[in-house]
Protein backbone atom coordinates (compact mmCIF):
# COMPACT_ATOMS: atom_id res chain seq x y z
CA MET A 1 0.00 0.00 0.00
CA GLY A 2 1.11 3.54 -0.67
CA GLU A 3 1.78 6.13 1.97
CA ARG A 4 -1.03 8.32 3.15
CA ARG A 5 -0.78 11.77 1.76
CA ARG A 6 -0.56 14.32 4.52
CA VAL A 7 -1.73 17.80 3.72
CA LYS A 8 -0.99 20.66 6.07
CA GLN A 9 -4.21 22.61 6.41
CA THR A 10 -3.68 26.36 6.34
CA CYS A 11 -7.10 27.17 7.72
CA SER A 12 -9.59 25.48 10.01
CA LEU A 13 -12.29 23.08 8.90
CA GLU A 14 -14.88 25.73 9.76
CA GLU A 15 -13.17 28.29 7.52
CA ARG A 16 -12.95 25.82 4.64
CA MET A 17 -16.62 24.89 5.01
CA ALA A 18 -17.68 28.55 5.08
CA GLU A 19 -15.62 29.17 1.95
CA GLN A 20 -17.19 26.15 0.25
CA ALA A 21 -20.67 27.42 1.18
CA ASN A 22 -19.90 30.80 -0.39
CA LYS A 23 -18.63 29.16 -3.60
CA LEU A 24 -21.72 26.96 -3.84
CA LYS A 25 -24.07 29.92 -3.32
CA GLU A 26 -22.17 31.90 -5.97
CA ARG A 27 -22.51 29.05 -8.48
CA ALA A 28 -26.21 28.62 -7.63
CA SER A 29 -26.88 32.33 -8.17
CA GLN A 30 -25.71 31.95 -11.77
CA LEU A 31 -28.18 29.16 -12.53
CA PRO A 32 -31.85 29.40 -13.41
CA ALA A 33 -34.35 28.02 -10.92
CA GLY A 34 -34.38 24.24 -11.03
CA THR A 35 -33.10 21.06 -9.46
CA GLU A 36 -29.39 21.77 -10.02
CA ARG A 37 -29.67 25.17 -8.35
CA GLU A 38 -31.63 23.71 -5.42
CA SER A 39 -29.02 20.98 -5.02
CA LEU A 40 -26.21 23.56 -4.83
CA LEU A 41 -28.15 25.64 -2.30
CA LYS A 42 -28.79 22.54 -0.18
CA ARG A 43 -25.07 21.70 -0.20
CA ALA A 44 -24.32 25.32 0.75
CA ARG A 45 -26.67 25.10 3.76
CA ILE A 46 -25.00 21.88 4.89
CA ALA A 47 -21.56 23.48 4.59
CA GLU A 48 -22.74 26.54 6.55
CA THR A 49 -24.03 24.24 9.29
CA GLY A 50 -20.65 22.52 9.44
CA ALA A 51 -18.91 25.89 9.58
CA HIS A 52 -20.77 26.69 12.82
CA LEU A 53 -20.47 23.32 14.57
CA SER A 54 -17.51 24.16 16.81
CA ASP A 55 -19.21 27.41 17.88
CA TRP A 56 -22.29 25.46 18.88
CA LEU A 57 -20.33 22.71 20.60
CA THR A 58 -18.40 25.20 22.73
CA SER A 59 -21.40 27.40 23.52
CA PRO A 60 -22.18 27.99 27.19
CA GLY A 61 -25.55 26.26 26.82
CA LEU A 62 -23.80 22.93 26.20
CA GLN A 63 -21.32 23.16 29.07
CA PRO A 64 -21.91 20.96 32.12
CA PRO A 65 -23.09 22.79 35.24
CA LYS A 66 -20.35 23.81 37.67
């Protein structure tokens, strides 16, 4: 088996997901209404959700009581 490729990430997962969401929304805005556009917008919403996960996970509401 070959070696695993290791890629040094220059930005966080959240930043990459937010960037992906923006790219998907930009592509969708250039398409007419239809299934392809809706698919891109759905993927953008999923990426935006992922971009906010660490914020939600570290929010005070999810911390155990002290």
